[in-house]
PDB file of all heavy atoms in Angstrom:
ATOM      1  N   VAL A   1      90.729 115.670  99.565  1.00  0.00           N
ATOM      2  CA  VAL A   1      89.526 114.856  99.366  1.00  0.00           C
ATOM      3  C   VAL A   1      88.338 115.684  99.873  1.00  0.00           C
ATOM      4  O   VAL A   1      88.027 115.651 101.056  1.00  0.00           O
ATOM      5  CB  VAL A   1      89.610 113.517 100.138  1.00  0.00           C
ATOM      6  CG1 VAL A   1      88.391 112.661  99.859  1.00  0.00           C
ATOM      7  CG2 VAL A   1      90.888 112.774  99.794  1.00  0.00           C
ATOM      8  N   PRO A   2      87.696 116.439  98.994  1.00  0.00           N
ATOM      9  CA  PRO A   2      86.669 117.376  99.437  1.00  0.00           C
ATOM     10  C   PRO A   2      85.379 116.734  99.971  1.00  0.00           C
ATOM     11  O   PRO A   2      84.680 117.343 100.762  1.00  0.00           O
ATOM     12  CB  PRO A   2      86.373 118.217  98.199  1.00  0.00           C
ATOM     13  CG  PRO A   2      86.988 117.514  97.055  1.00  0.00           C
ATOM     14  CD  PRO A   2      88.001 116.571  97.582  1.00  0.00           C
ATOM     15  N   ASN A   3      85.082 115.523  99.572  1.00  0.00           N
ATOM     16  CA  ASN A   3      83.872 114.853 100.048  1.00  0.00           C
ATOM     17  C   ASN A   3      84.160 114.237 101.422  1.00  0.00           C
ATOM     18  O   ASN A   3      84.989 113.345 101.543  1.00  0.00           O
ATOM     19  CB  ASN A   3      83.448 113.767  99.058  1.00  0.00           C
ATOM     20  CG  ASN A   3      82.170 113.088  99.441  1.00  0.00           C
ATOM     21  OD1 ASN A   3      81.906 112.819 100.613  1.00  0.00           O
ATOM     22  ND2 ASN A   3      81.360 112.778  98.438  1.00  0.00           N
ATOM     23  N   PRO A   4      83.464 114.707 102.475  1.00  0.00           N
ATOM     24  CA  PRO A   4      83.755 114.222 103.825  1.00  0.00           C
ATOM     25  C   PRO A   4      83.548 112.711 103.992  1.00  0.00           C
ATOM     26  O   PRO A   4      84.292 112.063 104.722  1.00  0.00           O
ATOM     27  CB  PRO A   4      82.798 114.991 104.734  1.00  0.00           C
ATOM     28  CG  PRO A   4      82.054 115.935 103.881  1.00  0.00           C
ATOM     29  CD  PRO A   4      82.433 115.731 102.463  1.00  0.00           C
ATOM     30  N   ASN A   5      82.555 112.158 103.304  1.00  0.00           N
ATOM     31  CA  ASN A   5      82.320 110.711 103.404  1.00  0.00           C
ATOM     32  C   ASN A   5      83.480 109.918 102.810  1.00  0.00           C
ATOM     33  O   ASN A   5      83.915 108.916 103.375  1.00  0.00           O
ATOM     34  CB  ASN A   5      81.007 110.320 102.720  1.00  0.00           C
ATOM     35  CG  ASN A   5      79.804 110.897 103.426  1.00  0.00           C
ATOM     36  OD1 ASN A   5      79.772 110.982 104.649  1.00  0.00           O
ATOM     37  ND2 ASN A   5      78.818 111.310 102.658  1.00  0.00           N
ATOM     38  N   VAL A   6      83.984 110.366 101.680  1.00  0.00           N
ATOM     39  CA  VAL A   6      85.112 109.693 101.037  1.00  0.00           C
ATOM     40  C   VAL A   6      86.362 109.846 101.902  1.00  0.00           C
ATOM     41  O   VAL A   6      87.135 108.899 102.067  1.00  0.00           O
ATOM     42  CB  VAL A   6      85.343 110.246  99.614  1.00  0.00           C
ATOM     43  CG1 VAL A   6      86.605 109.663  98.997  1.00  0.00           C
ATOM     44  CG2 VAL A   6      84.134 109.962  98.737  1.00  0.00           C
ATOM     45  N   LEU A   7      86.546 111.031 102.484  1.00  0.00           N
ATOM     46  CA  LEU A   7      87.697 111.266 103.354  1.00  0.00           C
ATOM     47  C   LEU A   7      87.662 110.321 104.555  1.00  0.00           C
ATOM     48  O   LEU A   7      88.661 109.668 104.871  1.00  0.00           O
ATOM     49  CB  LEU A   7      87.730 112.721 103.823  1.00  0.00           C
ATOM     50  CG  LEU A   7      88.842 113.089 104.804  1.00  0.00           C
ATOM     51  CD1 LEU A   7      90.209 112.838 104.187  1.00  0.00           C
ATOM     52  CD2 LEU A   7      88.703 114.539 105.245  1.00  0.00           C
ATOM     53  N   ILE A   8      86.525 110.219 105.202  1.00  0.00           N
ATOM     54  CA  ILE A   8      86.383 109.333 106.362  1.00  0.00           C
ATOM     55  C   ILE A   8      86.648 107.889 105.974  1.00  0.00           C
ATOM     56  O   ILE A   8      87.377 107.167 106.664  1.00  0.00           O
ATOM     57  CB  ILE A   8      84.988 109.486 106.997  1.00  0.00           C
ATOM     58  CG1 ILE A   8      84.876 110.845 107.672  1.00  0.00           C
ATOM     59  CG2 ILE A   8      84.711 108.358 107.983  1.00  0.00           C
ATOM     60  CD1 ILE A   8      83.467 111.215 108.086  1.00  0.00           C
ATOM     61  N   ASN A   9      86.085 107.453 104.861  1.00  0.00           N
ATOM     62  CA  ASN A   9      86.286 106.062 104.425  1.00  0.00           C
ATOM     63  C   ASN A   9      87.745 105.794 104.071  1.00  0.00           C
ATOM     64  O   ASN A   9      88.281 104.726 104.384  1.00  0.00           O
ATOM     65  CB  ASN A   9      85.378 105.730 103.241  1.00  0.00           C
ATOM     66  CG  ASN A   9      83.933 105.606 103.649  1.00  0.00           C
ATOM     67  OD1 ASN A   9      83.621 105.291 104.793  1.00  0.00           O
ATOM     68  ND2 ASN A   9      83.040 105.864 102.715  1.00  0.00           N
ATOM     69  N   THR A  10      88.397 106.742 103.411  1.00  0.00           N
ATOM     70  CA  THR A  10      89.801 106.583 103.032  1.00  0.00           C
ATOM     71  C   THR A  10      90.687 106.479 104.271  1.00  0.00           C
ATOM     72  O   THR A  10      91.526 105.572 104.381  1.00  0.00           O
ATOM     73  CB  THR A  10      90.254 107.763 102.151  1.00  0.00           C
ATOM     74  OG1 THR A  10      89.414 107.833 100.994  1.00  0.00           O
ATOM     75  CG2 THR A  10      91.696 107.611 101.722  1.00  0.00           C
ATOM     76  N   ILE A  11      90.496 107.396 105.209  1.00  0.00           N
ATOM     77  CA  ILE A  11      91.309 107.388 106.430  1.00  0.00           C
ATOM     78  C   ILE A  11      91.003 106.152 107.268  1.00  0.00           C
ATOM     79  O   ILE A  11      91.920 105.506 107.801  1.00  0.00           O
ATOM     80  CB  ILE A  11      91.100 108.686 107.238  1.00  0.00           C
ATOM     81  CG1 ILE A  11      91.578 109.897 106.428  1.00  0.00           C
ATOM     82  CG2 ILE A  11      91.809 108.615 108.584  1.00  0.00           C
ATOM     83  CD1 ILE A  11      93.030 109.833 105.978  1.00  0.00           C
ATOM     84  N   SER A  12      89.740 105.770 107.370  1.00  0.00           N
ATOM     85  CA  SER A  12      89.363 104.574 108.142  1.00  0.00           C
ATOM     86  C   SER A  12      90.008 103.320 107.589  1.00  0.00           C
ATOM     87  O   SER A  12      90.512 102.482 108.346  1.00  0.00           O
ATOM     88  CB  SER A  12      87.842 104.397 108.155  1.00  0.00           C
ATOM     89  OG  SER A  12      87.230 105.456 108.818  1.00  0.00           O
ATOM     90  N   ARG A  13      90.016 103.204 106.271  1.00  0.00           N
ATOM     91  CA  ARG A  13      90.628 102.029 105.646  1.00  0.00           C
ATOM     92  C   ARG A  13      92.126 101.990 105.936  1.00  0.00           C
ATOM     93  O   ARG A  13      92.685 100.950 106.259  1.00  0.00           O
ATOM     94  CB  ARG A  13      90.382 102.039 104.144  1.00  0.00           C
ATOM     95  CG  ARG A  13      91.048 100.854 103.434  1.00  0.00           C
ATOM     96  CD  ARG A  13      90.637 100.766 102.021  1.00  0.00           C
ATOM     97  NE  ARG A  13      89.255 100.300 102.005  1.00  0.00           N
ATOM     98  CZ  ARG A  13      88.552 100.121 100.905  1.00  0.00           C
ATOM     99  NH1 ARG A  13      89.075 100.390  99.739  1.00  0.00           N
ATOM    100  NH2 ARG A  13      87.320  99.684 100.957  1.00  0.00           N
ATOM    101  N   ARG A  14      92.771 103.148 105.855  1.00  0.00           N
ATOM    102  CA  ARG A  14      94.213 103.195 106.123  1.00  0.00           C
ATOM    103  C   ARG A  14      94.516 102.917 107.590  1.00  0.00           C
ATOM    104  O   ARG A  14      95.492 102.234 107.906  1.00  0.00           O
ATOM    105  CB  ARG A  14      94.776 104.570 105.705  1.00  0.00           C
ATOM    106  CG  ARG A  14      96.266 104.655 105.853  1.00  0.00           C
ATOM    107  CD  ARG A  14      96.988 103.656 104.968  1.00  0.00           C
ATOM    108  NE  ARG A  14      98.425 103.747 105.173  1.00  0.00           N
ATOM    109  CZ  ARG A  14      99.241 102.710 105.196  1.00  0.00           C
ATOM    110  NH1 ARG A  14      98.790 101.482 104.980  1.00  0.00           N
ATOM    111  NH2 ARG A  14     100.524 102.879 105.412  1.00  0.00           N
ATOM    112  N   VAL A  15      93.670 103.401 108.494  1.00  0.00           N
ATOM    113  CA  VAL A  15      93.847 103.123 109.921  1.00  0.00           C
ATOM    114  C   VAL A  15      93.753 101.623 110.173  1.00  0.00           C
ATOM    115  O   VAL A  15      94.548 101.060 110.924  1.00  0.00           O
ATOM    116  CB  VAL A  15      92.813 103.906 110.767  1.00  0.00           C
ATOM    117  CG1 VAL A  15      92.729 103.362 112.183  1.00  0.00           C
ATOM    118  CG2 VAL A  15      93.163 105.382 110.788  1.00  0.00           C
ATOM    119  N   ARG A  16      92.797 100.957 109.524  1.00  0.00           N
ATOM    120  CA  ARG A  16      92.685  99.493 109.675  1.00  0.00           C
ATOM    121  C   ARG A  16      93.942  98.796 109.170  1.00  0.00           C
ATOM    122  O   ARG A  16      94.425  97.845 109.780  1.00  0.00           O
ATOM    123  CB  ARG A  16      91.444  98.966 108.946  1.00  0.00           C
ATOM    124  CG  ARG A  16      90.158  99.231 109.698  1.00  0.00           C
ATOM    125  CD  ARG A  16      88.982  98.461 109.118  1.00  0.00           C
ATOM    126  NE  ARG A  16      88.712  98.784 107.721  1.00  0.00           N
ATOM    127  CZ  ARG A  16      87.914  99.764 107.308  1.00  0.00           C
ATOM    128  NH1 ARG A  16      87.327 100.547 108.187  1.00  0.00           N
ATOM    129  NH2 ARG A  16      87.711  99.970 106.031  1.00  0.00           N
ATOM    130  N   GLN A  17      94.489  99.264 108.039  1.00  0.00           N
ATOM    131  CA  GLN A  17      95.716  98.671 107.513  1.00  0.00           C
ATOM    132  C   GLN A  17      96.869  98.864 108.493  1.00  0.00           C
ATOM    133  O   GLN A  17      97.635  97.935 108.748  1.00  0.00           O
ATOM    134  CB  GLN A  17      96.089  99.292 106.170  1.00  0.00           C
ATOM    135  CG  GLN A  17      95.190  98.904 105.033  1.00  0.00           C
ATOM    136  CD  GLN A  17      95.529  99.645 103.755  1.00  0.00           C
ATOM    137  OE1 GLN A  17      96.231 100.661 103.760  1.00  0.00           O
ATOM    138  NE2 GLN A  17      95.009  99.153 102.636  1.00  0.00           N
ATOM    139  N   LEU A  18      97.002 100.065 109.028  1.00  0.00           N
ATOM    140  CA  LEU A  18      98.088 100.342 109.963  1.00  0.00           C
ATOM    141  C   LEU A  18      97.932  99.557 111.259  1.00  0.00           C
ATOM    142  O   LEU A  18      98.921  99.176 111.884  1.00  0.00           O
ATOM    143  CB  LEU A  18      98.163 101.845 110.269  1.00  0.00           C
ATOM    144  CG  LEU A  18      98.636 102.735 109.123  1.00  0.00           C
ATOM    145  CD1 LEU A  18      98.381 104.203 109.445  1.00  0.00           C
ATOM    146  CD2 LEU A  18     100.102 102.492 108.814  1.00  0.00           C
ATOM    147  N   SER A  19      96.698  99.303 111.664  1.00  0.00           N
ATOM    148  CA  SER A  19      96.432  98.566 112.901  1.00  0.00           C
ATOM    149  C   SER A  19      96.637  97.067 112.749  1.00  0.00           C
ATOM    150  O   SER A  19      96.791  96.364 113.753  1.00  0.00           O
ATOM    151  CB  SER A  19      94.992  98.809 113.362  1.00  0.00           C
ATOM    152  OG  SER A  19      94.799 100.158 113.642  1.00  0.00           O
ATOM    153  N   ALA A  20      96.641  96.578 111.516  1.00  0.00           N
ATOM    154  CA  ALA A  20      96.731  95.140 111.268  1.00  0.00           C
ATOM    155  C   ALA A  20      98.024  94.543 111.805  1.00  0.00           C
ATOM    156  O   ALA A  20      98.053  93.407 112.250  1.00  0.00           O
ATOM    157  CB  ALA A  20      96.586  94.844 109.777  1.00  0.00           C
ATOM    158  N   GLY A  21      99.116  95.296 111.746  1.00  0.00           N
ATOM    159  CA  GLY A  21     100.365  94.843 112.335  1.00  0.00           C
ATOM    160  C   GLY A  21     101.119  93.782 111.564  1.00  0.00           C
ATOM    161  O   GLY A  21     102.027  93.176 112.095  1.00  0.00           O
ATOM    162  N   GLY A  22     100.788  93.543 110.330  1.00  0.00           N
ATOM    163  CA  GLY A  22     101.535  92.580 109.527  1.00  0.00           C
ATOM    164  C   GLY A  22     102.733  93.254 108.885  1.00  0.00           C
ATOM    165  O   GLY A  22     103.467  93.989 109.516  1.00  0.00           O
ATOM    166  N   GLY A  23     102.918  93.018 107.622  1.00  0.00           N
ATOM    167  CA  GLY A  23     104.009  93.663 106.907  1.00  0.00           C
ATOM    168  C   GLY A  23     103.452  94.615 105.881  1.00  0.00           C
ATOM    169  O   GLY A  23     102.303  95.019 105.958  1.00  0.00           O
ATOM    170  N   GLY A  24     104.262  94.983 104.936  1.00  0.00           N
ATOM    171  CA  GLY A  24     103.856  95.789 103.784  1.00  0.00           C
ATOM    172  C   GLY A  24     102.985  96.981 104.084  1.00  0.00           C
ATOM    173  O   GLY A  24     103.464  98.012 104.521  1.00  0.00           O
ATOM    174  N   SER A  25     101.686  96.849 103.853  1.00  0.00           N
ATOM    175  CA  SER A  25     100.773  97.987 103.961  1.00  0.00           C
ATOM    176  C   SER A  25     100.514  98.421 105.398  1.00  0.00           C
ATOM    177  O   SER A  25      99.893  99.446 105.629  1.00  0.00           O
ATOM    178  CB  SER A  25      99.442  97.665 103.277  1.00  0.00           C
ATOM    179  OG  SER A  25      98.765  96.640 103.975  1.00  0.00           O
ATOM    180  N   SER A  26     100.978  97.649 106.379  1.00  0.00           N
ATOM    181  CA  SER A  26     100.733  98.041 107.767  1.00  0.00           C
ATOM    182  C   SER A  26     101.854  98.912 108.326  1.00  0.00           C
ATOM    183  O   SER A  26     101.789  99.322 109.476  1.00  0.00           O
ATOM    184  CB  SER A  26     100.552  96.800 108.638  1.00  0.00           C
ATOM    185  OG  SER A  26     101.743  96.063 108.720  1.00  0.00           O
ATOM    186  N   ARG A  27     102.835  99.220 107.518  1.00  0.00           N
ATOM    187  CA  ARG A  27     103.922 100.101 107.961  1.00  0.00           C
ATOM    188  C   ARG A  27     103.616 101.534 107.526  1.00  0.00           C
ATOM    189  O   ARG A  27     103.163 101.764 106.413  1.00  0.00           O
ATOM    190  CB  ARG A  27     105.239  99.677 107.329  1.00  0.00           C
ATOM    191  CG  ARG A  27     105.695  98.339 107.824  1.00  0.00           C
ATOM    192  CD  ARG A  27     107.089  98.036 107.329  1.00  0.00           C
ATOM    193  NE  ARG A  27     107.465  96.716 107.763  1.00  0.00           N
ATOM    194  CZ  ARG A  27     108.055  95.817 106.998  1.00  0.00           C
ATOM    195  NH1 ARG A  27     108.350  96.114 105.751  1.00  0.00           N
ATOM    196  NH2 ARG A  27     108.370  94.646 107.473  1.00  0.00           N
TER     197      ARG A  27
END
């Protein structure tokens, strides 16, 4: 992901999913 803004947003969104602690996308 060469655009740093897109990279940050992509990783941030995934970190939020992983932090949610539910099922499915949080694993």
